[in-house]
Amino acid sequence: MPVTLPIATRLAELYRTGGTNELARGIGDWAATHRTADLITRLFDAATLTIDSAAVKLHITEREDVFRARGHGERDVLETFVGALESDDVVWDIGANIGTYALLAAQCGAQVHAFEPGDNARDRLRANAALNDLAPTIHDYALADEDGTATLSHESRSGVRELTDGAGDPVQTRRGDGLELPSPDIVKIDVEGAELAVLEGLGDRLRDCRRCFVEVHDAADQQAVTERLERRGFEVSAPFERRILQAEREERDR
């Protein structure tokens, strides 16, 4: 993979003058004063995330991308997500960020609709899709409980933004049940506290959905989301390391 300057030049010089021993010493010295993720970010422009038989490349532009490419903290969720996919599934990735879930689903043959209102994250999602020669349908609005506009907060860390009453950028909001799109078989929701609004707006679009993955942020949020999904006929569990709920329904309402 391509290596960025100037650290690449320094490492090449160490190898030229001292071979592998000197190269190893140089990397060790650098790692002693920098985090490993920083080193990887400086060395590589992309890394591959492999989950079961699915593998996607992700551009590495900041430290958080290194952890995403490792599946750090959510590999169990990603494995369950990929294992649940069927090749003809329709997947709605709501809060797609840079595309980890959306691209894995597309790689497995699913028809993917990725919803990401944040312009920076959405641009990076498009770049990652192109890197993998995949073509998920990318939507630039936020899903919510009403059609209109809202304010998306400024980024607090890599790609993380939320609907807010404070400062930010205006974005369009849409109800999921009003979209002229095929209903989802699999839904993943990661919307930084707006989960209930998204579920409310999905309405009957969940009728054909057999599995949902919903990130929640505290006990009260978890209880409210669980109750909402159970009323829609799902069995809800929290089997993962992260606070992500899994809602399953074997029989689809047709």
Protein backbone atom coordinates (compact mmCIF):
# COMPACT_ATOMS: atom_id res chain seq x y z
CA MET A 1 0.00 0.00 0.00
CA PRO A 2 1.19 3.54 -0.62
CA VAL A 3 3.20 5.10 2.20
CA THR A 4 3.02 8.77 3.11
CA LEU A 5 5.91 11.17 3.60
CA PRO A 6 7.94 12.16 5.54
CA ILE A 7 7.94 9.09 7.82
CA ALA A 8 8.14 6.80 4.78
CA THR A 9 11.32 8.50 3.61
CA ARG A 10 12.89 8.13 7.04
CA LEU A 11 12.02 4.43 7.27
CA ALA A 12 13.31 3.78 3.77
CA GLU A 13 16.59 5.47 4.68
CA LEU A 14 16.91 3.36 7.83
CA TYR A 15 16.37 0.20 5.80
CA ARG A 16 18.86 1.30 3.14
CA THR A 17 21.60 2.06 5.65
CA GLY A 18 21.00 -0.62 8.27
CA GLY A 19 18.71 -3.29 6.90
CA THR A 20 15.81 -4.83 8.77
CA ASN A 21 17.40 -4.42 12.22
CA GLU A 22 17.77 -0.67 11.82
CA LEU A 23 14.29 -0.42 10.32
CA ALA A 24 12.82 -2.28 13.31
CA ARG A 25 14.69 0.02 15.71
CA GLY A 26 13.33 3.08 13.93
CA ILE A 27 9.76 1.83 14.08
CA GLY A 28 10.22 0.98 17.75
CA ASP A 29 11.55 4.45 18.54
CA TRP A 30 8.63 6.07 16.73
CA ALA A 31 6.06 3.82 18.41
CA ALA A 32 7.53 4.64 21.83
CA THR A 33 6.37 8.23 21.48
CA HIS A 34 3.28 7.75 19.28
CA ARG A 35 0.25 5.53 19.56
CA THR A 36 0.17 2.51 17.27
CA ALA A 37 -2.94 3.84 15.55
CA ASP A 38 -1.08 7.06 14.75
CA LEU A 39 1.74 5.07 13.18
CA ILE A 40 -0.65 3.09 10.99
CA THR A 41 -2.41 6.30 9.97
CA ARG A 42 0.91 7.78 8.87
CA LEU A 43 2.05 4.66 7.02
CA PHE A 44 -0.99 3.50 5.09
CA ASP A 45 -3.73 5.12 3.06
CA ALA A 46 -6.15 2.17 3.34
CA ALA A 47 -6.75 -0.95 5.40
CA THR A 48 -8.96 -3.99 4.92
CA LEU A 49 -11.74 -5.02 7.29
CA THR A 50 -12.57 -8.72 6.97
CA ILE A 51 -15.71 -10.14 8.55
CA ASP A 52 -16.27 -13.80 7.73
CA SER A 53 -16.19 -14.02 3.91
CA ALA A 54 -16.77 -10.29 3.37
CA ALA A 55 -13.84 -7.89 3.08
CA VAL A 56 -13.88 -4.15 2.41
CA LYS A 57 -11.15 -1.55 2.21
CA LEU A 58 -11.43 1.67 4.18
CA HIS A 59 -9.43 4.82 3.55
CA ILE A 60 -7.23 5.67 6.54
CA THR A 61 -7.25 9.41 7.10
CA GLU A 62 -7.39 9.60 10.91
CA ARG A 63 -6.89 7.43 13.98
CA GLU A 64 -10.54 6.43 14.30
CA ASP A 65 -10.36 4.76 10.87
CA VAL A 66 -7.71 2.36 12.14
CA PHE A 67 -10.08 1.10 14.83
CA ARG A 68 -12.94 0.81 12.34
CA ALA A 69 -10.76 -1.28 10.02
CA ARG A 70 -10.06 -3.62 12.94
CA GLY A 71 -13.73 -3.86 13.87
CA HIS A 72 -12.62 -2.56 17.25
CA GLY A 73 -15.34 -2.81 19.90
CA GLU A 74 -18.01 -4.06 17.52
CA ARG A 75 -16.61 -7.08 15.73
CA ASP A 76 -19.27 -9.25 17.38
CA VAL A 77 -21.97 -6.94 15.98
CA LEU A 78 -20.41 -6.93 12.52
CA GLU A 79 -20.16 -10.73 12.49
CA THR A 80 -23.82 -11.08 13.46
CA PHE A 81 -24.83 -8.43 10.91
CA VAL A 82 -22.96 -10.13 8.07
CA GLY A 83 -24.21 -13.55 9.15
CA ALA A 84 -27.82 -12.34 8.99
CA LEU A 85 -27.55 -11.11 5.39
CA GLU A 86 -29.07 -12.85 2.39
CA SER A 87 -27.94 -11.98 -1.11
CA ASP A 88 -31.27 -10.45 -2.17
CA ASP A 89 -31.78 -8.41 1.01
CA VAL A 90 -32.60 -4.73 1.09
CA VAL A 91 -30.53 -3.05 3.80
CA TRP A 92 -31.14 0.41 5.24
CA ASP A 93 -28.04 1.75 7.00
CA ILE A 94 -29.35 4.75 8.94
CA GLY A 95 -26.47 6.87 10.18
CA ALA A 96 -24.03 5.21 7.80
CA ASN A 97 -20.99 7.37 8.67
CA ILE A 98 -18.06 6.29 6.44
CA GLY A 99 -19.83 3.09 5.37
CA THR A 100 -18.55 0.13 7.38
CA TYR A 101 -21.92 -1.64 7.57
CA ALA A 102 -23.22 -0.39 4.23
CA LEU A 103 -20.18 -1.61 2.32
CA LEU A 104 -20.07 -5.00 4.03
CA ALA A 105 -23.73 -5.47 3.11
CA ALA A 106 -23.12 -4.39 -0.48
CA GLN A 107 -20.14 -6.75 -0.68
CA CYS A 108 -22.49 -9.57 0.33
CA GLY A 109 -24.82 -8.74 -2.56
CA ALA A 110 -27.49 -6.77 -0.70
CA GLN A 111 -29.26 -3.73 -2.14
CA VAL A 112 -28.09 -1.00 0.22
CA HIS A 113 -29.57 2.38 1.05
CA ALA A 114 -27.16 4.40 3.20
CA PHE A 115 -28.50 7.49 4.97
CA GLU A 116 -25.84 10.00 6.04
CA PRO A 117 -26.63 13.72 6.40
CA GLY A 118 -23.11 14.71 7.50
CA ASP A 119 -21.24 16.04 4.48
CA ASN A 120 -17.74 14.98 5.57
CA ALA A 121 -18.78 11.45 6.52
CA ARG A 122 -20.86 11.16 3.35
CA ASP A 123 -17.93 12.20 1.15
CA ARG A 124 -15.77 9.59 2.84
CA LEU A 125 -18.52 7.00 2.40
CA ARG A 126 -18.54 7.72 -1.33
CA ALA A 127 -14.74 7.45 -1.45
CA ASN A 128 -14.79 4.12 0.38
CA ALA A 129 -17.51 2.82 -1.93
CA ALA A 130 -15.41 3.76 -4.96
CA LEU A 131 -12.33 2.15 -3.39
CA ASN A 132 -14.25 -1.15 -3.25
CA ASP A 133 -16.02 -0.73 -6.61
CA LEU A 134 -19.37 -0.86 -4.80
CA ALA A 135 -22.43 1.28 -5.45
CA PRO A 136 -24.74 1.61 -2.44
CA THR A 137 -27.44 4.23 -2.87
CA ILE A 138 -26.41 7.16 -0.66
CA HIS A 139 -29.01 9.59 0.70
CA ASP A 140 -28.00 12.99 2.07
CA TYR A 141 -30.91 13.53 4.47
CA ALA A 142 -31.58 12.38 8.02
CA LEU A 143 -34.40 10.00 8.82
CA ALA A 144 -36.68 11.30 11.57
CA ASP A 145 -40.33 11.37 12.67
CA GLU A 146 -41.33 14.22 10.36
CA ASP A 147 -40.45 15.74 7.01
CA GLY A 148 -38.76 19.09 7.37
CA THR A 149 -35.42 20.52 8.42
CA ALA A 150 -33.28 20.14 11.51
CA THR A 151 -29.85 21.18 12.76
CA LEU A 152 -26.96 18.73 12.62
CA SER A 153 -24.28 19.48 15.21
CA HIS A 154 -20.69 20.16 14.30
CA GLU A 155 -18.43 17.10 14.44
CA SER A 156 -17.23 16.21 17.93
CA ARG A 157 -15.00 13.38 16.66
CA SER A 158 -14.57 11.44 13.45
CA GLY A 159 -17.83 11.68 11.56
CA VAL A 160 -19.96 11.85 14.71
CA ARG A 161 -22.76 14.40 14.54
CA GLU A 162 -26.24 14.54 16.02
CA LEU A 163 -29.48 16.42 15.60
CA THR A 164 -29.41 19.30 18.05
CA ASP A 165 -31.16 22.45 19.21
CA GLY A 166 -27.78 24.19 19.30
CA ALA A 167 -25.30 25.32 16.69
CA GLY A 168 -24.71 23.32 13.54
CA ASP A 169 -25.71 22.94 9.92
CA PRO A 170 -29.25 22.70 8.51
CA VAL A 171 -30.21 19.31 7.07
CA GLN A 172 -33.31 17.87 5.50
CA THR A 173 -35.28 15.29 7.48
CA ARG A 174 -37.58 12.65 6.03
CA ARG A 175 -39.92 10.04 7.43
CA GLY A 176 -38.85 6.59 6.30
CA ASP A 177 -42.43 5.50 5.62
CA GLY A 178 -42.82 8.27 3.05
CA LEU A 179 -39.85 7.30 0.89
CA GLU A 180 -40.32 5.65 -2.48
CA LEU A 181 -37.79 2.94 -1.70
CA PRO A 182 -38.08 -0.82 -1.24
CA SER A 183 -38.81 -1.76 2.36
CA PRO A 184 -35.82 -3.06 4.31
CA ASP A 185 -35.14 -6.64 5.32
CA ILE A 186 -32.29 -5.52 7.59
CA VAL A 187 -32.02 -2.16 9.35
CA LYS A 188 -29.03 -0.73 11.20
CA ILE A 189 -29.55 2.49 13.18
CA ASP A 190 -26.76 4.59 14.70
CA VAL A 191 -28.06 8.13 15.06
CA GLU A 192 -26.61 9.46 18.31
CA GLY A 193 -29.79 9.64 20.39
CA ALA A 194 -32.45 10.04 17.68
CA GLU A 195 -33.36 6.33 17.60
CA LEU A 196 -36.98 6.74 18.72
CA ALA A 197 -37.65 9.44 16.13
CA VAL A 198 -36.22 7.22 13.40
CA LEU A 199 -38.30 4.22 14.50
CA GLU A 200 -41.43 6.38 14.67
CA GLY A 201 -40.79 7.66 11.16
CA LEU A 202 -40.19 4.19 9.74
CA GLY A 203 -43.78 3.26 10.56
CA ASP A 204 -45.01 0.34 8.47
CA ARG A 205 -41.67 0.06 6.64
CA LEU A 206 -40.64 -2.26 9.47
CA ARG A 207 -43.45 -4.64 8.56
CA ASP A 208 -41.19 -6.72 6.27
CA CYS A 209 -38.03 -6.28 8.33
CA ARG A 210 -36.70 -9.42 9.97
CA ARG A 211 -33.79 -7.91 11.92
CA CYS A 212 -32.77 -4.53 13.33
CA PHE A 213 -29.52 -3.41 14.93
CA VAL A 214 -29.98 -0.25 17.00
CA GLU A 215 -27.29 1.54 18.99
CA VAL A 216 -28.59 3.10 22.21
CA HIS A 217 -26.81 5.34 24.67
CA ASP A 218 -28.15 4.79 28.17
CA ALA A 219 -30.52 2.56 30.14
CA ALA A 220 -33.55 4.78 29.59
CA ASP A 221 -32.94 4.92 25.85
CA GLN A 222 -32.47 1.14 25.76
CA GLN A 223 -35.77 0.53 27.55
CA ALA A 224 -37.72 2.93 25.33
CA VAL A 225 -36.29 1.49 22.11
CA THR A 226 -36.86 -2.07 23.34
CA GLU A 227 -40.51 -1.34 24.11
CA ARG A 228 -41.03 0.32 20.73
CA LEU A 229 -39.56 -2.65 18.85
CA GLU A 230 -41.44 -5.22 20.93
CA ARG A 231 -44.71 -3.46 20.06
CA ARG A 232 -43.77 -4.01 16.42
CA GLY A 233 -43.45 -7.76 16.97
CA PHE A 234 -39.70 -8.08 17.44
CA GLU A 235 -37.86 -10.08 20.06
CA VAL A 236 -35.19 -7.76 21.43
CA SER A 237 -31.89 -8.70 23.06
CA ALA A 238 -28.63 -6.99 24.01
CA PRO A 239 -26.02 -9.66 23.24
CA PHE A 240 -23.11 -7.46 22.23
CA GLU A 241 -20.15 -5.84 23.94
CA ARG A 242 -21.36 -2.40 22.90
CA ARG A 243 -24.79 -1.05 23.79
CA ILE A 244 -26.37 -2.22 20.55
CA LEU A 245 -29.74 -3.94 20.52
CA GLN A 246 -30.65 -6.77 18.19
CA ALA A 247 -34.31 -7.11 17.25
CA GLU A 248 -35.35 -10.29 15.44
CA ARG A 249 -38.51 -11.53 13.84
CA GLU A 250 -38.55 -14.89 12.11
CA GLU A 251 -41.87 -14.46 10.33
CA ARG A 252 -42.38 -11.40 8.16
CA ASP A 253 -45.78 -9.72 8.08
CA ARG A 254 -46.83 -9.75 4.45
